[in-house]
Amino acid sequence: MPTQFHPVTYADSKPRAPRDRWDHLDVLRGLAMVWMTVFHLCFDLSHLQLWRQDFYHNPVWTWQRSAIVSLFLLCAGLAQAAAQSKQTSATRFYQRWAQVAGCALLVSAGSYLVFPNSFIYFGVLHGMAVMLLLLRLLQGCSDRLLLCLAMLCMLAPGLYHYAASSLPAALVEWLNTKPLSPLGLVTRKPATEDFVPILPWLGVMLLGLSVGRQQMAKPGAWLQAYLARPAQSWASCSLAWLGRHSLPYYMLHQLVLLGGLMLLVLLLPTALD
């Protein structure tokens, strides 16, 4: 009997997510990666003096950076809520944590070569490595307590700024030192190219964990239904793939962007001669 022919459709050829992944959570993370790439491309153009912009003070850029980090950490909190709902093993958690921590060390080493006076000593990966451990310690807390802690973490830097003038100057300066600045209770931003301290950013990740756990505990809740919905279009499938590979992409994208622009700067004068 001849074998029946089955036409190959687009759905059959799509890269499929592992069963324990939620496509639309990966899509959100992929969107953060794309936004971050555009932001870093603009930063690199400014760094090479091809397009002068003030990335340290102009609200157009400082607010974008805050939004990108917020989206990325919110996704990380939601991912931890999903992992807890699926009872992901401690071994898998610590394997992933070791990858994040190891990449954070590589970021410090690489940024020191490019920015020796302002290298990244506590950027987004450093912050994530610490905050993931804190979320692991807090996983036994109730959702209401997690939400209260999230609000407190996000408010803490502002409250500290308000009270800093009445605190002993020695204490304020002590908290401003590089070893203690990752806590986030600082009155001035340290000289570094990326700074994601525990406060207020732990609050964003806790918010994702708290809201995610509340939604996943309710049968038919909108957030769980949205995140678990399979990606269908080419764009959403591509973003989901990028979100599933966000860590290696994060580590490589600046090498490609900055390296490509530097090569262009070297070759362009020769091409114009």
C-alpha atoms as a PDB file:
ATOM      1  CA  MET A   1       0.000   0.000   0.000  1.00  0.00           C
ATOM      2  CA  PRO A   2       1.475   3.384  -0.922  1.00  0.00           C
ATOM      3  CA  THR A   3       2.429   5.712   1.857  1.00  0.00           C
ATOM      4  CA  GLN A   4      -0.039   8.562   2.292  1.00  0.00           C
ATOM      5  CA  PHE A   5       1.436  11.961   1.464  1.00  0.00           C
ATOM      6  CA  HIS A   6       1.162  14.687   4.136  1.00  0.00           C
ATOM      7  CA  PRO A   7       1.936  18.205   2.941  1.00  0.00           C
ATOM      8  CA  VAL A   8       4.365  20.173   5.091  1.00  0.00           C
ATOM      9  CA  THR A   9       2.723  23.263   6.513  1.00  0.00           C
ATOM     10  CA  TYR A  10       4.230  26.335   8.111  1.00  0.00           C
ATOM     11  CA  ALA A  11       3.100  25.126  11.542  1.00  0.00           C
ATOM     12  CA  ASP A  12       5.040  21.879  11.028  1.00  0.00           C
ATOM     13  CA  SER A  13       8.234  23.748  10.178  1.00  0.00           C
ATOM     14  CA  LYS A  14       8.174  26.172  13.116  1.00  0.00           C
ATOM     15  CA  PRO A  15      10.809  25.734  15.818  1.00  0.00           C
ATOM     16  CA  ARG A  16       8.925  24.291  18.741  1.00  0.00           C
ATOM     17  CA  ALA A  17       9.431  25.300  22.370  1.00  0.00           C
ATOM     18  CA  PRO A  18      10.272  22.644  24.927  1.00  0.00           C
ATOM     19  CA  ARG A  19       7.191  21.415  26.760  1.00  0.00           C
ATOM     20  CA  ASP A  20       8.113  23.235  29.959  1.00  0.00           C
ATOM     21  CA  ARG A  21       8.399  26.608  28.181  1.00  0.00           C
ATOM     22  CA  TRP A  22       5.624  29.144  27.729  1.00  0.00           C
ATOM     23  CA  ASP A  23       5.836  30.722  24.297  1.00  0.00           C
ATOM     24  CA  HIS A  24       4.448  34.150  25.109  1.00  0.00           C
ATOM     25  CA  LEU A  25       6.676  34.591  28.137  1.00  0.00           C
ATOM     26  CA  ASP A  26       9.582  33.946  25.777  1.00  0.00           C
ATOM     27  CA  VAL A  27       8.030  36.435  23.332  1.00  0.00           C
ATOM     28  CA  LEU A  28       8.057  39.152  26.007  1.00  0.00           C
ATOM     29  CA  ARG A  29      11.683  38.345  26.821  1.00  0.00           C
ATOM     30  CA  GLY A  30      12.499  38.404  23.109  1.00  0.00           C
ATOM     31  CA  LEU A  31      10.931  41.865  22.803  1.00  0.00           C
ATOM     32  CA  ALA A  32      13.164  43.052  25.639  1.00  0.00           C
ATOM     33  CA  MET A  33      16.185  41.651  23.774  1.00  0.00           C
ATOM     34  CA  VAL A  34      15.271  43.453  20.535  1.00  0.00           C
ATOM     35  CA  TRP A  35      14.694  46.731  22.366  1.00  0.00           C
ATOM     36  CA  MET A  36      17.996  46.303  24.208  1.00  0.00           C
ATOM     37  CA  THR A  37      19.802  45.671  20.903  1.00  0.00           C
ATOM     38  CA  VAL A  38      18.491  48.897  19.368  1.00  0.00           C
ATOM     39  CA  PHE A  39      19.421  50.779  22.544  1.00  0.00           C
ATOM     40  CA  HIS A  40      22.959  49.362  22.547  1.00  0.00           C
ATOM     41  CA  LEU A  41      23.386  50.100  18.836  1.00  0.00           C
ATOM     42  CA  CYS A  42      22.605  53.753  19.545  1.00  0.00           C
ATOM     43  CA  PHE A  43      24.951  53.693  22.550  1.00  0.00           C
ATOM     44  CA  ASP A  44      27.770  52.238  20.455  1.00  0.00           C
ATOM     45  CA  LEU A  45      27.271  54.889  17.778  1.00  0.00           C
ATOM     46  CA  SER A  46      27.601  57.541  20.470  1.00  0.00           C
ATOM     47  CA  HIS A  47      30.623  55.834  22.042  1.00  0.00           C
ATOM     48  CA  LEU A  48      32.395  55.843  18.675  1.00  0.00           C
ATOM     49  CA  GLN A  49      31.399  59.504  18.216  1.00  0.00           C
ATOM     50  CA  LEU A  50      29.352  58.707  15.126  1.00  0.00           C
ATOM     51  CA  TRP A  51      26.128  60.037  16.685  1.00  0.00           C
ATOM     52  CA  ARG A  52      26.607  62.116  19.815  1.00  0.00           C
ATOM     53  CA  GLN A  53      24.001  61.465  22.512  1.00  0.00           C
ATOM     54  CA  ASP A  54      23.967  61.877  26.307  1.00  0.00           C
ATOM     55  CA  PHE A  55      23.070  58.379  27.517  1.00  0.00           C
ATOM     56  CA  TYR A  56      23.810  59.274  31.148  1.00  0.00           C
ATOM     57  CA  HIS A  57      21.472  62.255  31.619  1.00  0.00           C
ATOM     58  CA  ASN A  58      19.046  62.585  28.691  1.00  0.00           C
ATOM     59  CA  PRO A  59      15.631  61.217  29.825  1.00  0.00           C
ATOM     60  CA  VAL A  60      15.016  59.804  26.336  1.00  0.00           C
ATOM     61  CA  TRP A  61      17.767  57.271  27.022  1.00  0.00           C
ATOM     62  CA  THR A  62      17.674  56.913  30.822  1.00  0.00           C
ATOM     63  CA  TRP A  63      13.957  56.122  30.816  1.00  0.00           C
ATOM     64  CA  GLN A  64      14.370  53.635  27.981  1.00  0.00           C
ATOM     65  CA  ARG A  65      17.083  51.846  29.914  1.00  0.00           C
ATOM     66  CA  SER A  66      14.835  51.639  32.995  1.00  0.00           C
ATOM     67  CA  ALA A  67      11.953  50.288  30.891  1.00  0.00           C
ATOM     68  CA  ILE A  68      14.136  47.622  29.248  1.00  0.00           C
ATOM     69  CA  VAL A  69      15.549  46.438  32.582  1.00  0.00           C
ATOM     70  CA  SER A  70      12.055  46.445  34.118  1.00  0.00           C
ATOM     71  CA  LEU A  71      10.632  44.296  31.314  1.00  0.00           C
ATOM     72  CA  PHE A  72      13.547  41.874  31.514  1.00  0.00           C
ATOM     73  CA  LEU A  73      13.336  41.471  35.319  1.00  0.00           C
ATOM     74  CA  LEU A  74       9.540  41.237  35.251  1.00  0.00           C
ATOM     75  CA  CYS A  75       9.892  38.340  32.807  1.00  0.00           C
ATOM     76  CA  ALA A  76      12.469  36.759  35.134  1.00  0.00           C
ATOM     77  CA  GLY A  77      10.009  36.967  38.036  1.00  0.00           C
ATOM     78  CA  LEU A  78       7.217  35.465  35.936  1.00  0.00           C
ATOM     79  CA  ALA A  79       9.582  32.695  34.827  1.00  0.00           C
ATOM     80  CA  GLN A  80      10.319  31.847  38.462  1.00  0.00           C
ATOM     81  CA  ALA A  81       6.589  31.704  39.179  1.00  0.00           C
ATOM     82  CA  ALA A  82       6.168  29.328  36.228  1.00  0.00           C
ATOM     83  CA  ALA A  83       9.090  27.208  37.435  1.00  0.00           C
ATOM     84  CA  GLN A  84       7.577  26.960  40.922  1.00  0.00           C
ATOM     85  CA  SER A  85       4.184  25.971  39.509  1.00  0.00           C
ATOM     86  CA  LYS A  86       5.868  23.187  37.525  1.00  0.00           C
ATOM     87  CA  GLN A  87       7.998  22.176  40.529  1.00  0.00           C
ATOM     88  CA  THR A  88      11.275  22.616  38.681  1.00  0.00           C
ATOM     89  CA  SER A  89      14.086  20.804  40.474  1.00  0.00           C
ATOM     90  CA  ALA A  90      16.692  22.598  42.577  1.00  0.00           C
ATOM     91  CA  THR A  91      19.416  21.084  40.381  1.00  0.00           C
ATOM     92  CA  ARG A  92      18.034  22.755  37.292  1.00  0.00           C
ATOM     93  CA  PHE A  93      17.644  26.067  39.122  1.00  0.00           C
ATOM     94  CA  TYR A  94      21.259  26.104  40.297  1.00  0.00           C
ATOM     95  CA  GLN A  95      22.534  25.034  36.875  1.00  0.00           C
ATOM     96  CA  ARG A  96      20.797  28.032  35.348  1.00  0.00           C
ATOM     97  CA  TRP A  97      21.982  30.272  38.185  1.00  0.00           C
ATOM     98  CA  ALA A  98      25.592  29.180  37.613  1.00  0.00           C
ATOM     99  CA  GLN A  99      25.278  30.146  33.936  1.00  0.00           C
ATOM    100  CA  VAL A 100      23.973  33.629  34.851  1.00  0.00           C
ATOM    101  CA  ALA A 101      26.671  34.151  37.512  1.00  0.00           C
ATOM    102  CA  GLY A 102      29.438  32.939  35.197  1.00  0.00           C
ATOM    103  CA  CYS A 103      28.281  35.262  32.414  1.00  0.00           C
ATOM    104  CA  ALA A 104      28.190  38.150  34.911  1.00  0.00           C
ATOM    105  CA  LEU A 105      31.878  37.583  35.643  1.00  0.00           C
ATOM    106  CA  LEU A 106      32.644  37.536  31.922  1.00  0.00           C
ATOM    107  CA  VAL A 107      30.778  40.841  31.505  1.00  0.00           C
ATOM    108  CA  SER A 108      32.933  42.398  34.235  1.00  0.00           C
ATOM    109  CA  ALA A 109      36.119  41.152  32.601  1.00  0.00           C
ATOM    110  CA  GLY A 110      35.090  42.230  29.102  1.00  0.00           C
ATOM    111  CA  SER A 111      33.859  45.665  30.169  1.00  0.00           C
ATOM    112  CA  TYR A 112      37.113  46.254  32.051  1.00  0.00           C
ATOM    113  CA  LEU A 113      39.011  45.884  28.770  1.00  0.00           C
ATOM    114  CA  VAL A 114      36.812  48.488  27.048  1.00  0.00           C
ATOM    115  CA  PHE A 115      35.941  50.789  29.981  1.00  0.00           C
ATOM    116  CA  PRO A 116      38.706  50.343  32.601  1.00  0.00           C
ATOM    117  CA  ASN A 117      37.553  53.388  34.582  1.00  0.00           C
ATOM    118  CA  SER A 118      33.862  52.507  34.526  1.00  0.00           C
ATOM    119  CA  PHE A 119      33.693  48.746  34.061  1.00  0.00           C
ATOM    120  CA  ILE A 120      30.518  46.858  34.976  1.00  0.00           C
ATOM    121  CA  TYR A 121      30.868  45.422  38.454  1.00  0.00           C
ATOM    122  CA  PHE A 122      27.143  45.044  39.248  1.00  0.00           C
ATOM    123  CA  GLY A 123      25.096  45.137  36.081  1.00  0.00           C
ATOM    124  CA  VAL A 124      21.918  43.347  35.086  1.00  0.00           C
ATOM    125  CA  LEU A 125      23.406  39.820  35.182  1.00  0.00           C
ATOM    126  CA  HIS A 126      25.112  40.449  38.523  1.00  0.00           C
ATOM    127  CA  GLY A 127      21.829  41.763  39.910  1.00  0.00           C
ATOM    128  CA  MET A 128      19.894  38.816  38.502  1.00  0.00           C
ATOM    129  CA  ALA A 129      22.314  36.301  40.027  1.00  0.00           C
ATOM    130  CA  VAL A 130      21.811  37.784  43.505  1.00  0.00           C
ATOM    131  CA  MET A 131      18.073  38.346  43.091  1.00  0.00           C
ATOM    132  CA  LEU A 132      17.429  34.811  41.847  1.00  0.00           C
ATOM    133  CA  LEU A 133      18.937  33.477  45.062  1.00  0.00           C
ATOM    134  CA  LEU A 134      16.796  35.880  47.102  1.00  0.00           C
ATOM    135  CA  LEU A 135      13.668  34.771  45.250  1.00  0.00           C
ATOM    136  CA  ARG A 136      14.615  31.177  45.973  1.00  0.00           C
ATOM    137  CA  LEU A 137      14.851  31.994  49.686  1.00  0.00           C
ATOM    138  CA  LEU A 138      11.508  33.824  49.624  1.00  0.00           C
ATOM    139  CA  GLN A 139       9.537  31.218  47.680  1.00  0.00           C
ATOM    140  CA  GLY A 140       7.840  29.993  50.865  1.00  0.00           C
ATOM    141  CA  CYS A 141       6.330  33.434  51.544  1.00  0.00           C
ATOM    142  CA  SER A 142       2.695  34.155  50.786  1.00  0.00           C
ATOM    143  CA  ASP A 143       1.782  36.063  47.631  1.00  0.00           C
ATOM    144  CA  ARG A 144       0.533  38.980  49.741  1.00  0.00           C
ATOM    145  CA  LEU A 145       3.830  39.202  51.621  1.00  0.00           C
ATOM    146  CA  LEU A 146       5.784  39.026  48.354  1.00  0.00           C
ATOM    147  CA  LEU A 147       3.699  41.882  46.959  1.00  0.00           C
ATOM    148  CA  CYS A 148       4.342  43.984  50.078  1.00  0.00           C
ATOM    149  CA  LEU A 149       8.077  43.278  49.852  1.00  0.00           C
ATOM    150  CA  ALA A 150       8.037  44.235  46.163  1.00  0.00           C
ATOM    151  CA  MET A 151       6.435  47.606  46.942  1.00  0.00           C
ATOM    152  CA  LEU A 152       8.877  48.219  49.788  1.00  0.00           C
ATOM    153  CA  CYS A 153      11.888  47.407  47.598  1.00  0.00           C
ATOM    154  CA  MET A 154      10.724  49.759  44.846  1.00  0.00           C
ATOM    155  CA  LEU A 155      10.060  52.590  47.308  1.00  0.00           C
ATOM    156  CA  ALA A 156      13.218  52.110  49.412  1.00  0.00           C
ATOM    157  CA  PRO A 157      15.706  54.149  47.288  1.00  0.00           C
ATOM    158  CA  GLY A 158      13.357  57.133  47.122  1.00  0.00           C
ATOM    159  CA  LEU A 159      12.705  56.988  50.865  1.00  0.00           C
ATOM    160  CA  TYR A 160      16.441  56.738  51.495  1.00  0.00           C
ATOM    161  CA  HIS A 161      17.145  59.779  49.327  1.00  0.00           C
ATOM    162  CA  TYR A 162      14.555  61.719  51.318  1.00  0.00           C
ATOM    163  CA  ALA A 163      16.094  60.699  54.644  1.00  0.00           C
ATOM    164  CA  ALA A 164      19.791  60.769  53.644  1.00  0.00           C
ATOM    165  CA  SER A 165      20.297  64.427  54.574  1.00  0.00           C
ATOM    166  CA  SER A 166      19.390  63.660  58.184  1.00  0.00           C
ATOM    167  CA  LEU A 167      21.599  60.576  58.442  1.00  0.00           C
ATOM    168  CA  PRO A 168      25.246  60.658  59.580  1.00  0.00           C
ATOM    169  CA  ALA A 169      27.464  61.702  56.674  1.00  0.00           C
ATOM    170  CA  ALA A 170      29.851  58.838  57.389  1.00  0.00           C
ATOM    171  CA  LEU A 171      27.022  56.301  56.983  1.00  0.00           C
ATOM    172  CA  VAL A 172      25.877  57.872  53.716  1.00  0.00           C
ATOM    173  CA  GLU A 173      29.408  57.803  52.296  1.00  0.00           C
ATOM    174  CA  TRP A 174      29.898  54.233  53.510  1.00  0.00           C
ATOM    175  CA  LEU A 175      26.789  53.125  51.589  1.00  0.00           C
ATOM    176  CA  ASN A 176      28.119  54.964  48.515  1.00  0.00           C
ATOM    177  CA  THR A 177      31.311  52.880  48.429  1.00  0.00           C
ATOM    178  CA  LYS A 178      31.708  50.324  45.650  1.00  0.00           C
ATOM    179  CA  PRO A 179      31.393  47.220  47.891  1.00  0.00           C
ATOM    180  CA  LEU A 180      28.057  48.422  49.356  1.00  0.00           C
ATOM    181  CA  SER A 181      26.611  50.279  46.364  1.00  0.00           C
ATOM    182  CA  PRO A 182      25.011  47.079  44.926  1.00  0.00           C
ATOM    183  CA  LEU A 183      22.503  47.317  47.779  1.00  0.00           C
ATOM    184  CA  GLY A 184      21.093  50.378  45.995  1.00  0.00           C
ATOM    185  CA  LEU A 185      21.023  52.830  48.912  1.00  0.00           C
ATOM    186  CA  VAL A 186      23.231  55.413  47.232  1.00  0.00           C
ATOM    187  CA  THR A 187      23.016  59.174  46.888  1.00  0.00           C
ATOM    188  CA  ARG A 188      25.029  59.217  43.651  1.00  0.00           C
ATOM    189  CA  LYS A 189      25.343  56.728  40.828  1.00  0.00           C
ATOM    190  CA  PRO A 190      28.745  55.028  40.785  1.00  0.00           C
ATOM    191  CA  ALA A 191      31.049  55.339  37.781  1.00  0.00           C
ATOM    192  CA  THR A 192      30.022  52.255  35.852  1.00  0.00           C
ATOM    193  CA  GLU A 193      28.510  51.525  32.430  1.00  0.00           C
ATOM    194  CA  ASP A 194      25.659  49.416  33.811  1.00  0.00           C
ATOM    195  CA  PHE A 195      24.263  49.492  37.330  1.00  0.00           C
ATOM    196  CA  VAL A 196      21.330  47.317  38.451  1.00  0.00           C
ATOM    197  CA  PRO A 197      21.392  47.312  42.271  1.00  0.00           C
ATOM    198  CA  ILE A 198      19.226  45.102  44.456  1.00  0.00           C
ATOM    199  CA  LEU A 199      17.032  48.064  45.397  1.00  0.00           C
ATOM    200  CA  PRO A 200      14.737  48.914  43.679  1.00  0.00           C
ATOM    201  CA  TRP A 201      15.127  46.171  41.057  1.00  0.00           C
ATOM    202  CA  LEU A 202      14.442  43.245  43.373  1.00  0.00           C
ATOM    203  CA  GLY A 203      10.985  44.762  43.723  1.00  0.00           C
ATOM    204  CA  VAL A 204      10.317  44.379  39.989  1.00  0.00           C
ATOM    205  CA  MET A 205      11.310  40.712  40.025  1.00  0.00           C
ATOM    206  CA  LEU A 206       9.263  40.095  43.187  1.00  0.00           C
ATOM    207  CA  LEU A 207       6.296  41.761  41.511  1.00  0.00           C
ATOM    208  CA  GLY A 208       6.584  39.351  38.602  1.00  0.00           C
ATOM    209  CA  LEU A 209       6.850  36.397  40.996  1.00  0.00           C
ATOM    210  CA  SER A 210       3.893  37.513  43.117  1.00  0.00           C
ATOM    211  CA  VAL A 211       1.542  38.345  40.237  1.00  0.00           C
ATOM    212  CA  GLY A 212       2.620  35.224  38.364  1.00  0.00           C
ATOM    213  CA  ARG A 213       1.947  32.938  41.326  1.00  0.00           C
ATOM    214  CA  GLN A 214      -1.453  34.506  41.976  1.00  0.00           C
ATOM    215  CA  GLN A 215      -2.488  34.094  38.361  1.00  0.00           C
ATOM    216  CA  MET A 216      -1.213  30.540  38.073  1.00  0.00           C
ATOM    217  CA  ALA A 217      -3.135  29.507  41.164  1.00  0.00           C
ATOM    218  CA  LYS A 218      -6.430  30.475  39.497  1.00  0.00           C
ATOM    219  CA  PRO A 219      -7.869  28.035  36.932  1.00  0.00           C
ATOM    220  CA  GLY A 220      -8.419  29.856  33.656  1.00  0.00           C
ATOM    221  CA  ALA A 221      -6.673  33.054  34.771  1.00  0.00           C
ATOM    222  CA  TRP A 222      -5.950  35.447  31.883  1.00  0.00           C
ATOM    223  CA  LEU A 223      -2.190  35.729  32.436  1.00  0.00           C
ATOM    224  CA  GLN A 224      -1.552  31.999  32.506  1.00  0.00           C
ATOM    225  CA  ALA A 225      -3.750  31.507  29.438  1.00  0.00           C
ATOM    226  CA  TYR A 226      -1.868  34.255  27.582  1.00  0.00           C
ATOM    227  CA  LEU A 227       1.645  33.127  28.491  1.00  0.00           C
ATOM    228  CA  ALA A 228       0.981  29.465  27.722  1.00  0.00           C
ATOM    229  CA  ARG A 229      -0.655  30.203  24.351  1.00  0.00           C
ATOM    230  CA  PRO A 230       1.502  28.816  21.527  1.00  0.00           C
ATOM    231  CA  ALA A 231       3.192  31.320  19.239  1.00  0.00           C
ATOM    232  CA  GLN A 232       1.683  31.207  15.759  1.00  0.00           C
ATOM    233  CA  SER A 233       3.032  33.941  13.502  1.00  0.00           C
ATOM    234  CA  TRP A 234       6.549  34.117  12.125  1.00  0.00           C
ATOM    235  CA  ALA A 235       7.275  37.229  14.213  1.00  0.00           C
ATOM    236  CA  SER A 236       6.075  35.745  17.499  1.00  0.00           C
ATOM    237  CA  CYS A 237       7.888  32.450  16.840  1.00  0.00           C
ATOM    238  CA  SER A 238      11.108  34.354  16.115  1.00  0.00           C
ATOM    239  CA  LEU A 239      10.756  36.417  19.289  1.00  0.00           C
ATOM    240  CA  ALA A 240      10.003  33.279  21.309  1.00  0.00           C
ATOM    241  CA  TRP A 241      13.150  31.619  19.942  1.00  0.00           C
ATOM    242  CA  LEU A 242      15.169  34.705  20.875  1.00  0.00           C
ATOM    243  CA  GLY A 243      13.635  34.710  24.358  1.00  0.00           C
ATOM    244  CA  ARG A 244      14.582  31.060  24.862  1.00  0.00           C
ATOM    245  CA  HIS A 245      18.212  31.907  23.999  1.00  0.00           C
ATOM    246  CA  SER A 246      18.388  35.283  25.732  1.00  0.00           C
ATOM    247  CA  LEU A 247      21.531  34.605  27.765  1.00  0.00           C
ATOM    248  CA  PRO A 248      23.891  33.635  24.893  1.00  0.00           C
ATOM    249  CA  TYR A 249      22.345  36.403  22.792  1.00  0.00           C
ATOM    250  CA  TYR A 250      22.997  38.933  25.555  1.00  0.00           C
ATOM    251  CA  MET A 251      26.621  37.824  25.799  1.00  0.00           C
ATOM    252  CA  LEU A 252      27.271  37.992  22.049  1.00  0.00           C
ATOM    253  CA  HIS A 253      25.219  40.886  20.722  1.00  0.00           C
ATOM    254  CA  GLN A 254      27.555  43.680  21.864  1.00  0.00           C
ATOM    255  CA  LEU A 255      30.594  41.885  20.470  1.00  0.00           C
ATOM    256  CA  VAL A 256      28.877  41.815  17.082  1.00  0.00           C
ATOM    257  CA  LEU A 257      27.483  45.363  17.283  1.00  0.00           C
ATOM    258  CA  LEU A 258      30.544  47.148  18.642  1.00  0.00           C
ATOM    259  CA  GLY A 259      32.975  44.991  16.696  1.00  0.00           C
ATOM    260  CA  GLY A 260      31.080  45.557  13.454  1.00  0.00           C
ATOM    261  CA  LEU A 261      30.895  49.320  13.975  1.00  0.00           C
ATOM    262  CA  MET A 262      34.595  49.537  14.853  1.00  0.00           C
ATOM    263  CA  LEU A 263      35.445  47.604  11.695  1.00  0.00           C
ATOM    264  CA  LEU A 264      33.201  49.947   9.705  1.00  0.00           C
ATOM    265  CA  VAL A 265      34.972  52.990  11.162  1.00  0.00           C
ATOM    266  CA  LEU A 266      38.345  51.519  10.155  1.00  0.00           C
ATOM    267  CA  LEU A 267      37.265  50.538   6.644  1.00  0.00           C
ATOM    268  CA  LEU A 268      35.110  53.525   5.732  1.00  0.00           C
ATOM    269  CA  PRO A 269      37.944  56.077   5.266  1.00  0.00           C
ATOM    270  CA  THR A 270      39.781  53.577   3.050  1.00  0.00           C
ATOM    271  CA  ALA A 271      36.682  52.997   0.950  1.00  0.00           C
ATOM    272  CA  LEU A 272      36.180  56.740   0.473  1.00  0.00           C
ATOM    273  CA  ASP A 273      39.789  57.324  -0.714  1.00  0.00           C
END
